[in-house]
Amino acid sequence: MIRNYKVTYKIDHLDSKPSVDYFECFYEMQEFVSSEKARRIQFTVDHSPYLVSESDLADLNASENDLIKIEEV
């Protein structure tokens, strides 16, 4: 059985038009989510006027996880 994956990734919790991507392979989907999450976190760190602590990074990671929805379709 072929499984396809739908990834919905919001910009923030109020995003009414999130990005939606489809993947045929679990590993492609996993790689996309991982790289996109890392890119967004790095952007936040790079543009923060404050020093970002390990605790802040953990909070950013948790916040990004809340914006991702993965479904098998």
PDB file of N, CA and C in Angstrom:
ATOM      1  N   MET A   1       0.840  -1.188   0.000  1.00  0.00           N
ATOM      2  CA  MET A   1       0.000   0.000   0.000  1.00  0.00           C
ATOM      3  C   MET A   1       0.881   1.246   0.000  1.00  0.00           C
ATOM      4  N   ILE A   2       0.598   2.138  -0.911  1.00  0.00           N
ATOM      5  CA  ILE A   2       1.359   3.388  -0.988  1.00  0.00           C
ATOM      6  C   ILE A   2       0.708   4.415  -0.078  1.00  0.00           C
ATOM      7  N   ARG A   3       1.540   5.016   0.747  1.00  0.00           N
ATOM      8  CA  ARG A   3       1.048   6.063   1.638  1.00  0.00           C
ATOM      9  C   ARG A   3       1.590   7.402   1.162  1.00  0.00           C
ATOM     10  N   ASN A   4       0.736   8.362   1.138  1.00  0.00           N
ATOM     11  CA  ASN A   4       1.137   9.725   0.832  1.00  0.00           C
ATOM     12  C   ASN A   4       0.978  10.549   2.102  1.00  0.00           C
ATOM     13  N   TYR A   5       1.781  11.567   2.202  1.00  0.00           N
ATOM     14  CA  TYR A   5       1.774  12.400   3.398  1.00  0.00           C
ATOM     15  C   TYR A   5       1.467  13.839   3.030  1.00  0.00           C
ATOM     16  N   LYS A   6       0.609  14.439   3.822  1.00  0.00           N
ATOM     17  CA  LYS A   6       0.248  15.846   3.657  1.00  0.00           C
ATOM     18  C   LYS A   6       0.813  16.600   4.853  1.00  0.00           C
ATOM     19  N   VAL A   7       1.615  17.618   4.572  1.00  0.00           N
ATOM     20  CA  VAL A   7       2.207  18.438   5.627  1.00  0.00           C
ATOM     21  C   VAL A   7       1.625  19.840   5.526  1.00  0.00           C
ATOM     22  N   THR A   8       0.975  20.270   6.584  1.00  0.00           N
ATOM     23  CA  THR A   8       0.452  21.626   6.676  1.00  0.00           C
ATOM     24  C   THR A   8       1.319  22.364   7.689  1.00  0.00           C
ATOM     25  N   TYR A   9       1.926  23.468   7.238  1.00  0.00           N
ATOM     26  CA  TYR A   9       2.869  24.197   8.092  1.00  0.00           C
ATOM     27  C   TYR A   9       2.446  25.659   8.127  1.00  0.00           C
ATOM     28  N   LYS A  10       2.014  26.110   9.290  1.00  0.00           N
ATOM     29  CA  LYS A  10       1.550  27.482   9.454  1.00  0.00           C
ATOM     30  C   LYS A  10       2.719  28.423   9.764  1.00  0.00           C
ATOM     31  N   ILE A  11       2.542  29.687   9.450  1.00  0.00           N
ATOM     32  CA  ILE A  11       3.520  30.713   9.803  1.00  0.00           C
ATOM     33  C   ILE A  11       3.394  31.043  11.296  1.00  0.00           C
ATOM     34  N   ASP A  12       2.154  31.140  11.752  1.00  0.00           N
ATOM     35  CA  ASP A  12       1.870  31.333  13.177  1.00  0.00           C
ATOM     36  C   ASP A  12       0.490  30.728  13.455  1.00  0.00           C
ATOM     37  N   HIS A  13       0.047  30.813  14.668  1.00  0.00           N
ATOM     38  CA  HIS A  13      -1.202  30.156  15.053  1.00  0.00           C
ATOM     39  C   HIS A  13      -2.440  30.772  14.395  1.00  0.00           C
ATOM     40  N   LEU A  14      -2.333  31.997  13.895  1.00  0.00           N
ATOM     41  CA  LEU A  14      -3.476  32.659  13.262  1.00  0.00           C
ATOM     42  C   LEU A  14      -3.436  32.578  11.740  1.00  0.00           C
ATOM     43  N   ASP A  15      -2.497  31.852  11.185  1.00  0.00           N
ATOM     44  CA  ASP A  15      -2.333  31.736   9.738  1.00  0.00           C
ATOM     45  C   ASP A  15      -3.555  31.063   9.113  1.00  0.00           C
ATOM     46  N   SER A  16      -4.245  31.781   8.252  1.00  0.00           N
ATOM     47  CA  SER A  16      -5.435  31.219   7.613  1.00  0.00           C
ATOM     48  C   SER A  16      -5.121  30.536   6.279  1.00  0.00           C
ATOM     49  N   LYS A  17      -3.918  30.724   5.776  1.00  0.00           N
ATOM     50  CA  LYS A  17      -3.504  30.104   4.512  1.00  0.00           C
ATOM     51  C   LYS A  17      -2.119  29.472   4.677  1.00  0.00           C
ATOM     52  N   PRO A  18      -2.040  28.380   5.428  1.00  0.00           N
ATOM     53  CA  PRO A  18      -0.732  27.743   5.647  1.00  0.00           C
ATOM     54  C   PRO A  18      -0.213  27.080   4.380  1.00  0.00           C
ATOM     55  N   SER A  19       1.088  26.812   4.365  1.00  0.00           N
ATOM     56  CA  SER A  19       1.634  26.068   3.230  1.00  0.00           C
ATOM     57  C   SER A  19       1.235  24.606   3.375  1.00  0.00           C
ATOM     58  N   VAL A  20       0.892  23.989   2.253  1.00  0.00           N
ATOM     59  CA  VAL A  20       0.493  22.584   2.238  1.00  0.00           C
ATOM     60  C   VAL A  20       1.358  21.885   1.195  1.00  0.00           C
ATOM     61  N   ASP A  21       2.060  20.839   1.623  1.00  0.00           N
ATOM     62  CA  ASP A  21       2.928  20.078   0.731  1.00  0.00           C
ATOM     63  C   ASP A  21       2.572  18.598   0.831  1.00  0.00           C
ATOM     64  N   TYR A  22       2.719  17.900  -0.282  1.00  0.00           N
ATOM     65  CA  TYR A  22       2.428  16.469  -0.333  1.00  0.00           C
ATOM     66  C   TYR A  22       3.702  15.702  -0.660  1.00  0.00           C
ATOM     67  N   PHE A  23       3.854  14.544  -0.032  1.00  0.00           N
ATOM     68  CA  PHE A  23       5.035  13.707  -0.235  1.00  0.00           C
ATOM     69  C   PHE A  23       4.602  12.262  -0.405  1.00  0.00           C
ATOM     70  N   GLU A  24       5.275  11.560  -1.297  1.00  0.00           N
ATOM     71  CA  GLU A  24       5.011  10.142  -1.493  1.00  0.00           C
ATOM     72  C   GLU A  24       5.837   9.289  -0.543  1.00  0.00           C
ATOM     73  N   CYS A  25       6.952   9.806  -0.113  1.00  0.00           N
ATOM     74  CA  CYS A  25       7.889   9.040   0.703  1.00  0.00           C
ATOM     75  C   CYS A  25       7.982   9.641   2.108  1.00  0.00           C
ATOM     76  N   PHE A  26       7.924   8.774   3.103  1.00  0.00           N
ATOM     77  CA  PHE A  26       8.018   9.231   4.490  1.00  0.00           C
ATOM     78  C   PHE A  26       9.307  10.000   4.732  1.00  0.00           C
ATOM     79  N   TYR A  27      10.406   9.501   4.174  1.00  0.00           N
ATOM     80  CA  TYR A  27      11.705  10.134   4.426  1.00  0.00           C
ATOM     81  C   TYR A  27      11.817  11.509   3.788  1.00  0.00           C
ATOM     82  N   GLU A  28      11.190  11.688   2.624  1.00  0.00           N
ATOM     83  CA  GLU A  28      11.168  13.018   2.009  1.00  0.00           C
ATOM     84  C   GLU A  28      10.373  13.982   2.877  1.00  0.00           C
ATOM     85  N   MET A  29       9.240  13.521   3.366  1.00  0.00           N
ATOM     86  CA  MET A  29       8.413  14.356   4.240  1.00  0.00           C
ATOM     87  C   MET A  29       9.181  14.716   5.509  1.00  0.00           C
ATOM     88  N   GLN A  30       9.840  13.734   6.102  1.00  0.00           N
ATOM     89  CA  GLN A  30      10.595  13.956   7.326  1.00  0.00           C
ATOM     90  C   GLN A  30      11.744  14.941   7.097  1.00  0.00           C
ATOM     91  N   GLU A  31      12.426  14.818   5.973  1.00  0.00           N
ATOM     92  CA  GLU A  31      13.528  15.722   5.634  1.00  0.00           C
ATOM     93  C   GLU A  31      13.012  17.147   5.433  1.00  0.00           C
ATOM     94  N   PHE A  32      11.867  17.286   4.752  1.00  0.00           N
ATOM     95  CA  PHE A  32      11.281  18.606   4.546  1.00  0.00           C
ATOM     96  C   PHE A  32      10.938  19.268   5.876  1.00  0.00           C
ATOM     97  N   VAL A  33      10.246  18.538   6.735  1.00  0.00           N
ATOM     98  CA  VAL A  33       9.835  19.092   8.029  1.00  0.00           C
ATOM     99  C   VAL A  33      11.058  19.491   8.843  1.00  0.00           C
ATOM    100  N   SER A  34      12.046  18.632   8.879  1.00  0.00           N
ATOM    101  CA  SER A  34      13.259  18.906   9.652  1.00  0.00           C
ATOM    102  C   SER A  34      13.990  20.138   9.136  1.00  0.00           C
ATOM    103  N   SER A  35      14.186  20.223   7.826  1.00  0.00           N
ATOM    104  CA  SER A  35      14.935  21.358   7.272  1.00  0.00           C
ATOM    105  C   SER A  35      14.142  22.658   7.366  1.00  0.00           C
ATOM    106  N   GLU A  36      12.833  22.593   7.153  1.00  0.00           N
ATOM    107  CA  GLU A  36      12.012  23.803   7.241  1.00  0.00           C
ATOM    108  C   GLU A  36      11.957  24.321   8.676  1.00  0.00           C
ATOM    109  N   LYS A  37      11.828  23.407   9.624  1.00  0.00           N
ATOM    110  CA  LYS A  37      11.805  23.808  11.033  1.00  0.00           C
ATOM    111  C   LYS A  37      13.152  24.431  11.425  1.00  0.00           C
ATOM    112  N   ALA A  38      14.241  23.809  11.002  1.00  0.00           N
ATOM    113  CA  ALA A  38      15.575  24.343  11.310  1.00  0.00           C
ATOM    114  C   ALA A  38      15.766  25.718  10.673  1.00  0.00           C
ATOM    115  N   ARG A  39      15.281  25.889   9.438  1.00  0.00           N
ATOM    116  CA  ARG A  39      15.411  27.176   8.747  1.00  0.00           C
ATOM    117  C   ARG A  39      14.649  28.279   9.482  1.00  0.00           C
ATOM    118  N   ARG A  40      13.444  27.962   9.913  1.00  0.00           N
ATOM    119  CA  ARG A  40      12.629  28.962  10.617  1.00  0.00           C
ATOM    120  C   ARG A  40      13.214  29.317  11.982  1.00  0.00           C
ATOM    121  N   ILE A  41      13.701  28.327  12.691  1.00  0.00           N
ATOM    122  CA  ILE A  41      14.315  28.596  13.993  1.00  0.00           C
ATOM    123  C   ILE A  41      15.580  29.425  13.809  1.00  0.00           C
ATOM    124  N   GLN A  42      16.400  29.086  12.818  1.00  0.00           N
ATOM    125  CA  GLN A  42      17.630  29.841  12.575  1.00  0.00           C
ATOM    126  C   GLN A  42      17.325  31.276  12.191  1.00  0.00           C
ATOM    127  N   PHE A  43      16.275  31.492  11.416  1.00  0.00           N
ATOM    128  CA  PHE A  43      15.873  32.848  11.048  1.00  0.00           C
ATOM    129  C   PHE A  43      15.530  33.651  12.309  1.00  0.00           C
ATOM    130  N   THR A  44      14.767  33.046  13.203  1.00  0.00           N
ATOM    131  CA  THR A  44      14.386  33.720  14.448  1.00  0.00           C
ATOM    132  C   THR A  44      15.621  34.052  15.285  1.00  0.00           C
ATOM    133  N   VAL A  45      16.534  33.105  15.388  1.00  0.00           N
ATOM    134  CA  VAL A  45      17.768  33.326  16.155  1.00  0.00           C
ATOM    135  C   VAL A  45      18.600  34.440  15.517  1.00  0.00           C
ATOM    136  N   ASP A  46      18.749  34.393  14.197  1.00  0.00           N
ATOM    137  CA  ASP A  46      19.556  35.391  13.488  1.00  0.00           C
ATOM    138  C   ASP A  46      18.998  36.796  13.613  1.00  0.00           C
ATOM    139  N   HIS A  47      17.694  36.930  13.723  1.00  0.00           N
ATOM    140  CA  HIS A  47      17.065  38.255  13.759  1.00  0.00           C
ATOM    141  C   HIS A  47      16.639  38.700  15.157  1.00  0.00           C
ATOM    142  N   SER A  48      16.993  37.921  16.151  1.00  0.00           N
ATOM    143  CA  SER A  48      16.657  38.297  17.523  1.00  0.00           C
ATOM    144  C   SER A  48      17.639  39.363  18.030  1.00  0.00           C
ATOM    145  N   PRO A  49      17.123  40.423  18.632  1.00  0.00           N
ATOM    146  CA  PRO A  49      18.023  41.440  19.184  1.00  0.00           C
ATOM    147  C   PRO A  49      18.645  40.997  20.516  1.00  0.00           C
ATOM    148  N   TYR A  50      18.225  39.866  21.009  1.00  0.00           N
ATOM    149  CA  TYR A  50      18.701  39.361  22.297  1.00  0.00           C
ATOM    150  C   TYR A  50      19.471  38.063  22.116  1.00  0.00           C
ATOM    151  N   LEU A  51      20.265  37.741  23.094  1.00  0.00           N
ATOM    152  CA  LEU A  51      20.972  36.469  23.112  1.00  0.00           C
ATOM    153  C   LEU A  51      19.950  35.361  23.340  1.00  0.00           C
ATOM    154  N   VAL A  52      20.002  34.326  22.523  1.00  0.00           N
ATOM    155  CA  VAL A  52      19.035  33.231  22.609  1.00  0.00           C
ATOM    156  C   VAL A  52      19.660  32.093  23.414  1.00  0.00           C
ATOM    157  N   SER A  53      19.011  31.734  24.516  1.00  0.00           N
ATOM    158  CA  SER A  53      19.527  30.683  25.396  1.00  0.00           C
ATOM    159  C   SER A  53      19.051  29.308  24.920  1.00  0.00           C
ATOM    160  N   GLU A  54      19.586  28.272  25.538  1.00  0.00           N
ATOM    161  CA  GLU A  54      19.147  26.904  25.226  1.00  0.00           C
ATOM    162  C   GLU A  54      17.664  26.730  25.544  1.00  0.00           C
ATOM    163  N   SER A  55      17.222  27.348  26.616  1.00  0.00           N
ATOM    164  CA  SER A  55      15.805  27.297  26.986  1.00  0.00           C
ATOM    165  C   SER A  55      14.944  27.965  25.915  1.00  0.00           C
ATOM    166  N   ASP A  56      15.418  29.098  25.401  1.00  0.00           N
ATOM    167  CA  ASP A  56      14.700  29.788  24.324  1.00  0.00           C
ATOM    168  C   ASP A  56      14.625  28.915  23.075  1.00  0.00           C
ATOM    169  N   LEU A  57      15.722  28.228  22.763  1.00  0.00           N
ATOM    170  CA  LEU A  57      15.733  27.334  21.603  1.00  0.00           C
ATOM    171  C   LEU A  57      14.738  26.188  21.776  1.00  0.00           C
ATOM    172  N   ALA A  58      14.673  25.650  22.979  1.00  0.00           N
ATOM    173  CA  ALA A  58      13.712  24.576  23.251  1.00  0.00           C
ATOM    174  C   ALA A  58      12.279  25.093  23.086  1.00  0.00           C
ATOM    175  N   ASP A  59      12.026  26.310  23.536  1.00  0.00           N
ATOM    176  CA  ASP A  59      10.700  26.910  23.380  1.00  0.00           C
ATOM    177  C   ASP A  59      10.370  27.169  21.907  1.00  0.00           C
ATOM    178  N   LEU A  60      11.359  27.638  21.142  1.00  0.00           N
ATOM    179  CA  LEU A  60      11.154  27.849  19.703  1.00  0.00           C
ATOM    180  C   LEU A  60      10.838  26.536  19.003  1.00  0.00           C
ATOM    181  N   ASN A  61      11.562  25.499  19.361  1.00  0.00           N
ATOM    182  CA  ASN A  61      11.347  24.179  18.772  1.00  0.00           C
ATOM    183  C   ASN A  61       9.933  23.675  19.079  1.00  0.00           C
ATOM    184  N   ALA A  62       9.511  23.812  20.319  1.00  0.00           N
ATOM    185  CA  ALA A  62       8.162  23.389  20.715  1.00  0.00           C
ATOM    186  C   ALA A  62       7.096  24.215  19.982  1.00  0.00           C
ATOM    187  N   SER A  63       7.350  25.501  19.847  1.00  0.00           N
ATOM    188  CA  SER A  63       6.409  26.376  19.151  1.00  0.00           C
ATOM    189  C   SER A  63       6.289  25.989  17.673  1.00  0.00           C
ATOM    190  N   GLU A  64       7.411  25.699  17.037  1.00  0.00           N
ATOM    191  CA  GLU A  64       7.388  25.266  15.636  1.00  0.00           C
ATOM    192  C   GLU A  64       6.655  23.932  15.484  1.00  0.00           C
ATOM    193  N   ASN A  65       6.854  23.027  16.435  1.00  0.00           N
ATOM    194  CA  ASN A  65       6.159  21.733  16.379  1.00  0.00           C
ATOM    195  C   ASN A  65       4.647  21.915  16.412  1.00  0.00           C
ATOM    196  N   ASP A  66       4.185  22.912  17.149  1.00  0.00           N
ATOM    197  CA  ASP A  66       2.743  23.182  17.233  1.00  0.00           C
ATOM    198  C   ASP A  66       2.159  23.692  15.909  1.00  0.00           C
ATOM    199  N   LEU A  67       3.015  24.206  15.033  1.00  0.00           N
ATOM    200  CA  LEU A  67       2.549  24.773  13.762  1.00  0.00           C
ATOM    201  C   LEU A  67       2.492  23.740  12.635  1.00  0.00           C
ATOM    202  N   ILE A  68       2.976  22.528  12.902  1.00  0.00           N
ATOM    203  CA  ILE A  68       3.063  21.489  11.878  1.00  0.00           C
ATOM    204  C   ILE A  68       1.955  20.461  12.087  1.00  0.00           C
ATOM    205  N   LYS A  69       1.309  20.095  10.988  1.00  0.00           N
ATOM    206  CA  LYS A  69       0.321  19.020  11.028  1.00  0.00           C
ATOM    207  C   LYS A  69       0.667  18.048   9.904  1.00  0.00           C
ATOM    208  N   ILE A  70       0.857  16.781  10.266  1.00  0.00           N
ATOM    209  CA  ILE A  70       1.213  15.746   9.296  1.00  0.00           C
ATOM    210  C   ILE A  70       0.072  14.733   9.251  1.00  0.00           C
ATOM    211  N   GLU A  71      -0.390  14.441   8.028  1.00  0.00           N
ATOM    212  CA  GLU A  71      -1.484  13.486   7.842  1.00  0.00           C
ATOM    213  C   GLU A  71      -1.111  12.472   6.768  1.00  0.00           C
ATOM    214  N   GLU A  72      -1.575  11.244   6.945  1.00  0.00           N
ATOM    215  CA  GLU A  72      -1.481  10.268   5.879  1.00  0.00           C
ATOM    216  C   GLU A  72      -2.715  10.408   5.023  1.00  0.00           C
ATOM    217  N   VAL A  73      -2.525  10.510   3.710  1.00  0.00           N
ATOM    218  CA  VAL A  73      -3.665  10.659   2.795  1.00  0.00           C
ATOM    219  C   VAL A  73      -3.637   9.583   1.726  1.00  0.00           C
TER     220      VAL A  73
END
